[in-house]
Amino acid sequence: MATEVCAEMVANVVTLVVAAGDSVAAGDTLLILESMKMEIPVLAEAGGTVAEIKVTEGDVVQEGDVLVVLA
């Protein structure tokens, strides 16, 4: 079962911490977003393997956009 990690706000993608194929545990940082000059880490809600990264550094994301898919 795939888990989609979505943006909670409009923000810029600053740093991708993981790559496709990486194993992550619940609470691991997947990427860093920047909004209003604040850096916001996006955390894995559950453990798994990074199946797909749907954004690149420099992208602007909207609330609800899928950022990462975990398998």
N, C-alpha and C. Protein backbone atom coordinates (compact mmCIF):
# COMPACT_ATOMS: atom_id res chain seq x y z
N MET A 1 0.84 -1.19 0.00
CA MET A 1 0.00 0.00 0.00
C MET A 1 0.88 1.24 0.00
N ALA A 2 0.64 2.14 -0.91
CA ALA A 2 1.44 3.35 -1.03
C ALA A 2 0.89 4.44 -0.11
N THR A 3 1.80 5.23 0.44
CA THR A 3 1.44 6.37 1.27
C THR A 3 1.92 7.63 0.56
N GLU A 4 1.01 8.58 0.33
CA GLU A 4 1.38 9.85 -0.29
C GLU A 4 1.64 10.88 0.80
N VAL A 5 2.78 11.55 0.70
CA VAL A 5 3.12 12.63 1.62
C VAL A 5 2.83 13.93 0.87
N CYS A 6 1.93 14.76 1.43
CA CYS A 6 1.46 15.95 0.73
C CYS A 6 1.92 17.23 1.43
N ALA A 7 1.97 18.31 0.67
CA ALA A 7 2.31 19.62 1.21
C ALA A 7 1.16 20.13 2.06
N GLU A 8 1.49 20.73 3.18
CA GLU A 8 0.46 21.28 4.07
C GLU A 8 0.24 22.76 3.83
N MET A 9 1.06 23.37 2.97
CA MET A 9 0.95 24.81 2.70
C MET A 9 1.64 25.13 1.38
N VAL A 10 1.42 26.33 0.89
CA VAL A 10 2.16 26.81 -0.28
C VAL A 10 3.59 27.07 0.17
N ALA A 11 4.56 26.53 -0.56
CA ALA A 11 5.96 26.66 -0.15
C ALA A 11 6.88 26.35 -1.31
N ASN A 12 8.16 26.66 -1.13
CA ASN A 12 9.20 26.33 -2.08
C ASN A 12 9.94 25.09 -1.58
N VAL A 13 10.29 24.19 -2.50
CA VAL A 13 11.10 23.02 -2.15
C VAL A 13 12.55 23.50 -2.11
N VAL A 14 13.16 23.42 -0.92
CA VAL A 14 14.53 23.90 -0.75
C VAL A 14 15.54 22.77 -0.89
N THR A 15 15.30 21.66 -0.20
CA THR A 15 16.26 20.56 -0.18
C THR A 15 15.55 19.22 -0.19
N LEU A 16 15.98 18.33 -1.07
CA LEU A 16 15.52 16.94 -1.03
C LEU A 16 16.52 16.16 -0.19
N VAL A 17 16.05 15.50 0.83
CA VAL A 17 16.93 14.76 1.74
C VAL A 17 17.05 13.30 1.31
N VAL A 18 15.99 12.75 0.72
CA VAL A 18 15.98 11.35 0.32
C VAL A 18 15.95 11.22 -1.21
N ALA A 19 16.21 10.02 -1.68
CA ALA A 19 16.14 9.70 -3.11
C ALA A 19 15.27 8.47 -3.28
N ALA A 20 14.79 8.27 -4.48
CA ALA A 20 13.98 7.08 -4.78
C ALA A 20 14.78 5.84 -4.43
N GLY A 21 14.13 4.90 -3.75
CA GLY A 21 14.79 3.67 -3.34
C GLY A 21 15.30 3.68 -1.92
N ASP A 22 15.39 4.86 -1.30
CA ASP A 22 15.85 4.96 0.09
C ASP A 22 14.83 4.37 1.04
N SER A 23 15.30 3.74 2.09
CA SER A 23 14.42 3.26 3.17
C SER A 23 14.32 4.36 4.22
N VAL A 24 13.11 4.60 4.71
CA VAL A 24 12.91 5.62 5.74
C VAL A 24 12.08 5.04 6.88
N ALA A 25 12.26 5.61 8.05
CA ALA A 25 11.47 5.25 9.23
C ALA A 25 10.50 6.39 9.52
N ALA A 26 9.46 6.08 10.26
CA ALA A 26 8.51 7.12 10.66
C ALA A 26 9.27 8.23 11.39
N GLY A 27 9.02 9.48 10.99
CA GLY A 27 9.69 10.61 11.61
C GLY A 27 10.93 11.08 10.90
N ASP A 28 11.43 10.32 9.92
CA ASP A 28 12.60 10.75 9.15
C ASP A 28 12.24 11.95 8.27
N THR A 29 13.19 12.85 8.08
CA THR A 29 12.98 14.01 7.21
C THR A 29 13.11 13.56 5.75
N LEU A 30 12.11 13.91 4.94
CA LEU A 30 12.10 13.57 3.52
C LEU A 30 12.62 14.73 2.68
N LEU A 31 12.18 15.94 3.02
CA LEU A 31 12.61 17.14 2.30
C LEU A 31 12.35 18.35 3.16
N ILE A 32 12.89 19.48 2.72
CA ILE A 32 12.73 20.74 3.45
C ILE A 32 11.97 21.71 2.55
N LEU A 33 10.91 22.30 3.10
CA LEU A 33 10.17 23.35 2.41
C LEU A 33 10.50 24.69 3.04
N GLU A 34 10.33 25.77 2.27
CA GLU A 34 10.54 27.12 2.80
C GLU A 34 9.28 27.93 2.51
N SER A 35 8.77 28.56 3.55
CA SER A 35 7.61 29.43 3.41
C SER A 35 7.77 30.60 4.36
N MET A 36 7.62 31.80 3.85
CA MET A 36 7.73 33.01 4.66
C MET A 36 9.04 33.03 5.44
N LYS A 37 10.14 32.65 4.78
CA LYS A 37 11.50 32.64 5.32
C LYS A 37 11.70 31.66 6.46
N MET A 38 10.78 30.70 6.60
CA MET A 38 10.94 29.64 7.59
C MET A 38 11.15 28.32 6.88
N GLU A 39 12.09 27.52 7.37
CA GLU A 39 12.31 26.19 6.80
C GLU A 39 11.47 25.18 7.57
N ILE A 40 10.71 24.37 6.80
CA ILE A 40 9.80 23.41 7.40
C ILE A 40 10.18 22.01 6.93
N PRO A 41 10.64 21.13 7.85
CA PRO A 41 10.93 19.76 7.44
C PRO A 41 9.63 18.99 7.18
N VAL A 42 9.62 18.18 6.14
CA VAL A 42 8.49 17.30 5.85
C VAL A 42 8.93 15.91 6.28
N LEU A 43 8.18 15.32 7.20
CA LEU A 43 8.56 14.05 7.81
C LEU A 43 7.76 12.89 7.26
N ALA A 44 8.36 11.71 7.27
CA ALA A 44 7.66 10.48 6.88
C ALA A 44 6.67 10.15 7.99
N GLU A 45 5.42 9.91 7.60
CA GLU A 45 4.39 9.56 8.58
C GLU A 45 4.50 8.09 8.99
N ALA A 46 5.09 7.28 8.12
CA ALA A 46 5.26 5.86 8.39
C ALA A 46 6.56 5.41 7.73
N GLY A 47 7.06 4.27 8.16
CA GLY A 47 8.27 3.73 7.56
C GLY A 47 7.96 3.12 6.20
N GLY A 48 9.00 2.97 5.39
CA GLY A 48 8.83 2.35 4.09
C GLY A 48 9.99 2.68 3.17
N THR A 49 9.75 2.50 1.89
CA THR A 49 10.75 2.79 0.86
C THR A 49 10.22 3.93 0.00
N VAL A 50 11.10 4.88 -0.34
CA VAL A 50 10.71 5.99 -1.21
C VAL A 50 10.49 5.43 -2.61
N ALA A 51 9.23 5.40 -3.03
CA ALA A 51 8.88 4.86 -4.35
C ALA A 51 9.03 5.92 -5.43
N GLU A 52 8.67 7.16 -5.10
CA GLU A 52 8.70 8.23 -6.10
C GLU A 52 8.80 9.58 -5.42
N ILE A 53 9.60 10.47 -6.01
CA ILE A 53 9.67 11.85 -5.56
C ILE A 53 9.04 12.69 -6.67
N LYS A 54 8.00 13.42 -6.35
CA LYS A 54 7.23 14.13 -7.36
C LYS A 54 7.62 15.59 -7.52
N VAL A 55 8.63 16.05 -6.78
CA VAL A 55 9.07 17.44 -6.85
C VAL A 55 10.58 17.49 -7.02
N THR A 56 11.08 18.65 -7.41
CA THR A 56 12.52 18.88 -7.47
C THR A 56 12.83 20.15 -6.69
N GLU A 57 14.09 20.31 -6.32
CA GLU A 57 14.50 21.52 -5.60
C GLU A 57 14.18 22.74 -6.47
N GLY A 58 13.59 23.76 -5.84
CA GLY A 58 13.22 24.98 -6.54
C GLY A 58 11.76 25.03 -6.95
N ASP A 59 11.07 23.88 -6.90
CA ASP A 59 9.64 23.86 -7.23
C ASP A 59 8.84 24.64 -6.20
N VAL A 60 7.73 25.23 -6.65
CA VAL A 60 6.74 25.83 -5.76
C VAL A 60 5.58 24.86 -5.69
N VAL A 61 5.21 24.47 -4.47
CA VAL A 61 4.11 23.53 -4.28
C VAL A 61 2.93 24.22 -3.64
N GLN A 62 1.75 23.67 -3.92
CA GLN A 62 0.51 24.19 -3.35
C GLN A 62 0.03 23.25 -2.25
N GLU A 63 -0.80 23.74 -1.37
CA GLU A 63 -1.37 22.90 -0.33
C GLU A 63 -2.07 21.71 -0.95
N GLY A 64 -1.73 20.51 -0.48
CA GLY A 64 -2.34 19.29 -0.99
C GLY A 64 -1.56 18.59 -2.09
N ASP A 65 -0.56 19.26 -2.66
CA ASP A 65 0.26 18.61 -3.70
C ASP A 65 1.00 17.41 -3.13
N VAL A 66 1.07 16.33 -3.90
CA VAL A 66 1.83 15.15 -3.47
C VAL A 66 3.31 15.43 -3.68
N LEU A 67 4.09 15.23 -2.63
CA LEU A 67 5.53 15.48 -2.67
C LEU A 67 6.32 14.20 -2.88
N VAL A 68 5.99 13.19 -2.08
CA VAL A 68 6.72 11.92 -2.07
C VAL A 68 5.72 10.78 -1.92
N VAL A 69 6.00 9.67 -2.59
CA VAL A 69 5.19 8.46 -2.43
C VAL A 69 6.07 7.39 -1.75
N LEU A 70 5.55 6.85 -0.64
CA LEU A 70 6.25 5.79 0.08
C LEU A 70 5.55 4.47 -0.15
N ALA A 71 6.34 3.41 -0.35
CA ALA A 71 5.76 2.07 -0.54
C ALA A 71 6.01 1.23 0.67
